[in-house]
């Protein structure tokens, strides 16, 4: 569900799986491998969910940071 009342995005399990696989392959092409750390900085949306699942699928450890943090606070969270 989006920020505006009544606006929503519907995704089937099949669409989510396909998006997850595409993102996982993209991460692997970028050199991300099992055990690597990935920080996901995006608003809550289906793409964010697929990104988390893609990281889990390839064995990369991930953390999620949503907007609203200062640059220093964001850098601290990424380092942690």
N, C-alpha and C. Protein backbone atom coordinates (compact mmCIF):
# COMPACT_ATOMS: atom_id res chain seq x y z
N UNK A 1 0.84 -1.17 0.00
CA UNK A 1 0.00 0.00 0.00
C UNK A 1 0.89 1.24 0.00
N UNK A 2 0.54 2.20 -0.83
CA UNK A 2 1.35 3.41 -0.94
C UNK A 2 0.95 4.44 0.10
N UNK A 3 1.64 5.57 0.10
CA UNK A 3 1.36 6.63 1.07
C UNK A 3 -0.02 7.23 0.91
N UNK A 4 -0.48 7.34 -0.33
CA UNK A 4 -1.80 7.90 -0.59
C UNK A 4 -2.87 6.87 -0.29
N UNK A 5 -3.91 7.25 0.45
CA UNK A 5 -4.99 6.29 0.74
C UNK A 5 -5.62 5.76 -0.55
N UNK A 6 -5.86 4.47 -0.58
CA UNK A 6 -6.51 3.86 -1.72
C UNK A 6 -5.58 3.46 -2.84
N UNK A 7 -4.31 3.85 -2.77
CA UNK A 7 -3.35 3.46 -3.81
C UNK A 7 -2.57 2.24 -3.32
N UNK A 8 -2.53 1.24 -4.13
CA UNK A 8 -1.81 0.03 -3.77
C UNK A 8 -1.22 -0.61 -5.01
N UNK A 9 -0.22 -1.45 -4.78
CA UNK A 9 0.40 -2.20 -5.86
C UNK A 9 0.21 -3.67 -5.52
N UNK A 10 -0.31 -4.42 -6.44
CA UNK A 10 -0.51 -5.86 -6.23
C UNK A 10 0.54 -6.62 -7.05
N UNK A 11 1.15 -7.59 -6.40
CA UNK A 11 2.18 -8.41 -7.04
C UNK A 11 1.86 -9.87 -6.76
N UNK A 12 1.87 -10.68 -7.79
CA UNK A 12 1.63 -12.11 -7.59
C UNK A 12 2.92 -12.76 -7.09
N UNK A 13 2.79 -13.95 -6.56
CA UNK A 13 3.98 -14.68 -6.13
C UNK A 13 4.92 -14.93 -7.31
N UNK A 14 4.36 -15.23 -8.46
CA UNK A 14 5.18 -15.47 -9.65
C UNK A 14 5.95 -14.20 -10.03
N UNK A 15 5.29 -13.04 -10.03
CA UNK A 15 5.97 -11.78 -10.36
C UNK A 15 7.07 -11.48 -9.34
N UNK A 16 6.78 -11.74 -8.06
CA UNK A 16 7.78 -11.51 -7.03
C UNK A 16 8.98 -12.43 -7.22
N UNK A 17 8.74 -13.69 -7.55
CA UNK A 17 9.83 -14.64 -7.80
C UNK A 17 10.67 -14.20 -8.99
N UNK A 18 10.02 -13.80 -10.08
CA UNK A 18 10.77 -13.37 -11.26
C UNK A 18 11.60 -12.14 -10.97
N UNK A 19 11.04 -11.17 -10.25
CA UNK A 19 11.78 -9.96 -9.90
C UNK A 19 12.93 -10.29 -8.96
N UNK A 20 12.69 -11.19 -8.01
CA UNK A 20 13.74 -11.61 -7.08
C UNK A 20 14.89 -12.27 -7.82
N UNK A 21 14.59 -13.15 -8.75
CA UNK A 21 15.64 -13.84 -9.53
C UNK A 21 16.43 -12.85 -10.38
N UNK A 22 15.73 -11.90 -11.02
CA UNK A 22 16.43 -10.89 -11.84
C UNK A 22 17.36 -10.04 -10.98
N UNK A 23 16.88 -9.63 -9.81
CA UNK A 23 17.72 -8.83 -8.92
C UNK A 23 18.90 -9.64 -8.40
N UNK A 24 18.66 -10.90 -8.07
CA UNK A 24 19.75 -11.76 -7.61
C UNK A 24 20.82 -11.92 -8.67
N UNK A 25 20.40 -12.11 -9.91
CA UNK A 25 21.37 -12.23 -11.01
C UNK A 25 22.13 -10.92 -11.23
N UNK A 26 21.43 -9.81 -11.09
CA UNK A 26 22.09 -8.50 -11.23
C UNK A 26 23.12 -8.31 -10.14
N UNK A 27 22.77 -8.66 -8.90
CA UNK A 27 23.73 -8.54 -7.81
C UNK A 27 24.95 -9.41 -8.06
N UNK A 28 24.73 -10.63 -8.54
CA UNK A 28 25.87 -11.52 -8.83
C UNK A 28 26.75 -10.96 -9.94
N UNK A 29 26.14 -10.38 -10.97
CA UNK A 29 26.93 -9.76 -12.05
C UNK A 29 27.74 -8.58 -11.54
N UNK A 30 27.25 -7.93 -10.50
CA UNK A 30 27.97 -6.80 -9.90
C UNK A 30 29.04 -7.27 -8.91
N UNK A 31 29.16 -8.58 -8.74
CA UNK A 31 30.22 -9.12 -7.88
C UNK A 31 29.80 -9.46 -6.47
N UNK A 32 28.53 -9.34 -6.16
CA UNK A 32 28.05 -9.70 -4.82
C UNK A 32 27.98 -11.22 -4.73
N UNK A 33 28.55 -11.76 -3.65
CA UNK A 33 28.56 -13.21 -3.49
C UNK A 33 28.16 -13.59 -2.07
N UNK A 34 28.05 -14.88 -1.83
CA UNK A 34 27.65 -15.41 -0.53
C UNK A 34 28.55 -14.82 0.56
N UNK A 35 27.90 -14.31 1.62
CA UNK A 35 28.63 -13.76 2.75
C UNK A 35 28.91 -12.27 2.65
N UNK A 36 28.75 -11.69 1.46
CA UNK A 36 28.94 -10.24 1.31
C UNK A 36 27.83 -9.51 2.05
N UNK A 37 28.10 -8.25 2.40
CA UNK A 37 27.11 -7.43 3.09
C UNK A 37 26.52 -6.42 2.11
N UNK A 38 25.20 -6.28 2.15
CA UNK A 38 24.49 -5.37 1.26
C UNK A 38 23.56 -4.49 2.11
N UNK A 39 23.59 -3.19 1.87
CA UNK A 39 22.65 -2.29 2.52
C UNK A 39 21.62 -1.86 1.50
N UNK A 40 20.36 -2.03 1.83
CA UNK A 40 19.26 -1.66 0.94
C UNK A 40 18.66 -0.36 1.47
N UNK A 41 18.75 0.69 0.66
CA UNK A 41 18.26 2.01 1.04
C UNK A 41 17.18 2.41 0.06
N UNK A 42 15.95 2.06 0.37
CA UNK A 42 14.82 2.38 -0.50
C UNK A 42 13.55 2.43 0.34
N UNK A 43 12.53 3.07 -0.20
CA UNK A 43 11.26 3.11 0.54
C UNK A 43 10.61 1.73 0.54
N UNK A 44 9.71 1.50 1.49
CA UNK A 44 9.00 0.22 1.50
C UNK A 44 8.13 0.07 0.25
N UNK A 45 8.45 -0.92 -0.55
CA UNK A 45 7.72 -1.17 -1.80
C UNK A 45 8.02 -2.60 -2.24
N UNK A 46 7.32 -3.11 -3.23
CA UNK A 46 7.59 -4.47 -3.70
C UNK A 46 9.05 -4.68 -4.14
N UNK A 47 9.67 -3.66 -4.72
CA UNK A 47 11.06 -3.78 -5.15
C UNK A 47 11.99 -3.96 -3.95
N UNK A 48 11.69 -3.31 -2.84
CA UNK A 48 12.49 -3.47 -1.63
C UNK A 48 12.38 -4.89 -1.10
N UNK A 49 11.16 -5.43 -1.12
CA UNK A 49 10.95 -6.82 -0.67
C UNK A 49 11.73 -7.77 -1.57
N UNK A 50 11.64 -7.58 -2.88
CA UNK A 50 12.36 -8.44 -3.82
C UNK A 50 13.87 -8.31 -3.61
N UNK A 51 14.35 -7.12 -3.29
CA UNK A 51 15.79 -6.92 -3.04
C UNK A 51 16.25 -7.71 -1.82
N UNK A 52 15.44 -7.69 -0.76
CA UNK A 52 15.78 -8.47 0.43
C UNK A 52 15.80 -9.96 0.11
N UNK A 53 14.79 -10.41 -0.62
CA UNK A 53 14.72 -11.83 -0.97
C UNK A 53 15.87 -12.22 -1.90
N UNK A 54 16.27 -11.33 -2.80
CA UNK A 54 17.38 -11.62 -3.71
C UNK A 54 18.68 -11.79 -2.93
N UNK A 55 18.89 -10.93 -1.95
CA UNK A 55 20.10 -11.05 -1.12
C UNK A 55 20.09 -12.39 -0.39
N UNK A 56 18.95 -12.74 0.20
CA UNK A 56 18.85 -14.02 0.92
C UNK A 56 19.07 -15.18 -0.04
N UNK A 57 18.55 -15.06 -1.25
CA UNK A 57 18.65 -16.13 -2.24
C UNK A 57 20.09 -16.43 -2.64
N UNK A 58 20.93 -15.37 -2.72
CA UNK A 58 22.33 -15.60 -3.10
C UNK A 58 23.25 -15.73 -1.88
N UNK A 59 22.67 -15.61 -0.69
CA UNK A 59 23.47 -15.80 0.53
C UNK A 59 24.18 -14.55 1.01
N UNK A 60 23.79 -13.38 0.52
CA UNK A 60 24.39 -12.14 0.98
C UNK A 60 23.64 -11.65 2.22
N UNK A 61 24.38 -11.17 3.18
CA UNK A 61 23.78 -10.61 4.39
C UNK A 61 23.28 -9.22 4.04
N UNK A 62 22.05 -8.91 4.41
CA UNK A 62 21.52 -7.59 4.05
C UNK A 62 20.95 -6.88 5.26
N UNK A 63 20.95 -5.56 5.18
CA UNK A 63 20.30 -4.72 6.16
C UNK A 63 19.46 -3.70 5.40
N UNK A 64 18.38 -3.28 5.99
CA UNK A 64 17.48 -2.35 5.33
C UNK A 64 17.47 -1.04 6.10
N UNK A 65 17.65 0.06 5.39
CA UNK A 65 17.61 1.39 5.98
C UNK A 65 16.58 2.20 5.19
N UNK A 66 15.57 2.69 5.87
CA UNK A 66 14.57 3.51 5.21
C UNK A 66 14.95 4.98 5.35
N UNK A 67 14.34 5.82 4.58
CA UNK A 67 14.66 7.24 4.55
C UNK A 67 14.39 7.90 5.90
N UNK A 68 14.93 9.10 6.07
CA UNK A 68 14.70 9.85 7.29
C UNK A 68 15.92 9.95 8.17
N UNK A 69 17.05 9.43 7.74
CA UNK A 69 18.27 9.50 8.52
C UNK A 69 19.20 10.57 7.94
N UNK A 70 19.96 11.22 8.81
CA UNK A 70 20.97 12.17 8.33
C UNK A 70 22.08 11.39 7.65
N UNK A 71 22.92 12.09 6.89
CA UNK A 71 24.02 11.42 6.19
C UNK A 71 24.95 10.71 7.18
N UNK A 72 25.22 11.34 8.30
CA UNK A 72 26.11 10.74 9.29
C UNK A 72 25.48 9.51 9.93
N UNK A 73 24.20 9.62 10.27
CA UNK A 73 23.49 8.48 10.85
C UNK A 73 23.41 7.32 9.86
N UNK A 74 23.16 7.63 8.60
CA UNK A 74 23.11 6.60 7.57
C UNK A 74 24.46 5.91 7.43
N UNK A 75 25.55 6.70 7.42
CA UNK A 75 26.90 6.12 7.31
C UNK A 75 27.19 5.21 8.52
N UNK A 76 26.76 5.61 9.71
CA UNK A 76 26.97 4.79 10.90
C UNK A 76 26.22 3.47 10.78
N UNK A 77 25.00 3.51 10.30
CA UNK A 77 24.22 2.29 10.15
C UNK A 77 24.84 1.35 9.11
N UNK A 78 25.35 1.91 8.03
CA UNK A 78 25.98 1.09 7.00
C UNK A 78 27.23 0.43 7.56
N UNK A 79 28.04 1.19 8.30
CA UNK A 79 29.27 0.61 8.90
C UNK A 79 28.94 -0.48 9.89
N UNK A 80 27.87 -0.28 10.69
CA UNK A 80 27.49 -1.29 11.68
C UNK A 80 27.09 -2.58 11.00
